[in-house]
Amino acid sequence: MLVIFLVTIYLFFYTNPVLAIIYVFVAYELLRRSSMVTGRVAMIQYTPSQAKRDSQMKAMNPVQVDTLEEQVIQKMAPIGHSDPATYVMSSYKPVADDVGSASLV
């Protein structure tokens, strides 16, 4: 505390007084914050236990019967739900090279 007082006096006499006034506020805040002693780390007070976090996560994520992927497959997959593939023959003939032994698909 003596060092802070000496620095304040030095700033008033040898530098700009505005700087000394700002330093007074800084010194006050420094002393105020350093004088508070809690004896405990603040992080420990606000961190829940692992069991409590697990129960909260289970409440937020209930067990689903089907996953999203399974629901999409059941809704959109044509296997077993659609008609057999039908080929349409038309008079249109594309201009392309011979496809060899490829199918009509």
Protein backbone atom coordinates (compact mmCIF):
# COMPACT_ATOMS: atom_id res chain seq x y z
CA MET A 1 0.00 0.00 0.00
CA LEU A 2 2.94 2.28 0.70
CA VAL A 3 4.27 1.73 -2.83
CA ILE A 4 0.93 2.72 -4.33
CA PHE A 5 0.89 5.89 -2.22
CA LEU A 6 4.43 6.81 -3.28
CA VAL A 7 3.64 6.25 -6.96
CA THR A 8 0.57 8.47 -6.62
CA ILE A 9 2.63 11.30 -5.05
CA TYR A 10 5.27 10.92 -7.77
CA LEU A 11 2.63 11.15 -10.51
CA PHE A 12 1.13 14.32 -9.00
CA PHE A 13 4.49 16.12 -8.82
CA TYR A 14 6.32 14.93 -11.94
CA THR A 15 3.66 14.06 -14.55
CA ASN A 16 0.31 15.28 -15.78
CA PRO A 17 -2.22 15.59 -12.90
CA VAL A 18 -4.90 13.87 -15.02
CA LEU A 19 -2.68 10.79 -15.15
CA ALA A 20 -2.33 10.91 -11.37
CA ILE A 21 -6.10 11.13 -10.86
CA ILE A 22 -6.65 8.15 -13.16
CA TYR A 23 -3.99 6.26 -11.22
CA VAL A 24 -5.85 6.99 -7.97
CA PHE A 25 -8.93 5.24 -9.36
CA VAL A 26 -6.82 2.34 -10.59
CA ALA A 27 -5.13 2.01 -7.21
CA TYR A 28 -8.48 2.09 -5.41
CA GLU A 29 -9.88 -0.66 -7.64
CA LEU A 30 -6.70 -2.72 -7.22
CA LEU A 31 -6.89 -2.48 -3.43
CA ARG A 32 -10.63 -3.19 -3.40
CA ARG A 33 -10.32 -6.33 -5.54
CA SER A 34 -7.26 -7.68 -3.77
CA SER A 35 -8.77 -7.23 -0.30
CA MET A 36 -11.72 -9.58 -0.96
CA VAL A 37 -10.79 -13.06 0.26
CA THR A 38 -13.30 -15.84 -0.24
CA GLY A 39 -11.18 -18.86 0.65
CA ARG A 40 -12.73 -20.87 -2.18
CA VAL A 41 -12.27 -20.91 -5.87
CA ALA A 42 -15.34 -19.41 -7.56
CA MET A 43 -15.39 -22.07 -10.27
CA ILE A 44 -16.07 -24.85 -7.77
CA GLN A 45 -19.27 -23.16 -6.58
CA TYR A 46 -20.89 -23.13 -10.01
CA THR A 47 -19.75 -26.46 -11.48
CA PRO A 48 -22.34 -29.22 -11.01
CA SER A 49 -21.27 -32.78 -10.27
CA GLN A 50 -20.87 -35.29 -13.07
CA ALA A 51 -23.93 -37.26 -11.93
CA LYS A 52 -26.07 -34.10 -12.08
CA ARG A 53 -24.77 -33.24 -15.54
CA ASP A 54 -25.46 -36.80 -16.74
CA SER A 55 -29.04 -36.66 -15.48
CA GLN A 56 -29.57 -33.31 -17.20
CA MET A 57 -28.18 -34.68 -20.47
CA LYS A 58 -30.45 -37.74 -20.28
CA ALA A 59 -33.44 -35.46 -19.72
CA MET A 60 -32.49 -33.37 -22.76
CA ASN A 61 -31.82 -36.42 -24.98
CA PRO A 62 -34.46 -39.09 -24.43
CA VAL A 63 -33.96 -42.53 -25.99
CA GLN A 64 -35.50 -42.68 -29.47
CA VAL A 65 -37.02 -45.80 -30.98
CA ASP A 66 -35.82 -44.97 -34.48
CA THR A 67 -32.92 -42.77 -35.41
CA LEU A 68 -33.31 -39.98 -37.93
CA GLU A 69 -31.53 -42.05 -40.55
CA GLU A 70 -33.92 -44.96 -40.07
CA GLN A 71 -36.93 -42.66 -40.31
CA VAL A 72 -35.68 -41.15 -43.58
CA ILE A 73 -34.96 -44.58 -45.05
CA GLN A 74 -38.43 -45.85 -44.12
CA LYS A 75 -40.02 -42.79 -45.67
CA MET A 76 -38.00 -42.48 -48.87
CA ALA A 77 -36.56 -45.88 -49.74
CA PRO A 78 -38.36 -47.42 -52.71
CA ILE A 79 -37.18 -50.97 -52.04
CA GLY A 80 -40.20 -53.20 -51.57
CA HIS A 81 -42.62 -50.28 -51.80
CA SER A 82 -42.53 -49.34 -55.47
CA ASP A 83 -43.45 -50.94 -58.77
CA PRO A 84 -40.81 -52.84 -60.68
CA ALA A 85 -38.74 -50.74 -63.04
CA THR A 86 -40.37 -50.16 -66.41
CA TYR A 87 -38.44 -49.21 -69.52
CA VAL A 88 -40.01 -46.80 -71.96
CA MET A 89 -39.04 -47.11 -75.59
CA SER A 90 -39.31 -43.90 -77.60
CA SER A 91 -38.45 -42.70 -81.07
CA TYR A 92 -35.81 -40.34 -79.67
CA LYS A 93 -32.31 -41.60 -80.28
CA PRO A 94 -29.47 -39.67 -78.59
CA VAL A 95 -26.36 -38.86 -80.54
CA ALA A 96 -23.63 -40.71 -78.72
CA ASP A 97 -21.00 -43.35 -79.21
CA ASP A 98 -21.79 -47.00 -79.05
CA VAL A 99 -22.28 -48.02 -75.44
CA GLY A 100 -21.24 -51.58 -76.05
CA SER A 101 -22.82 -54.10 -73.75
CA ALA A 102 -24.36 -51.54 -71.34
CA SER A 103 -28.01 -51.88 -70.32
CA LEU A 104 -30.89 -49.59 -71.30
CA VAL A 105 -31.06 -47.87 -67.93
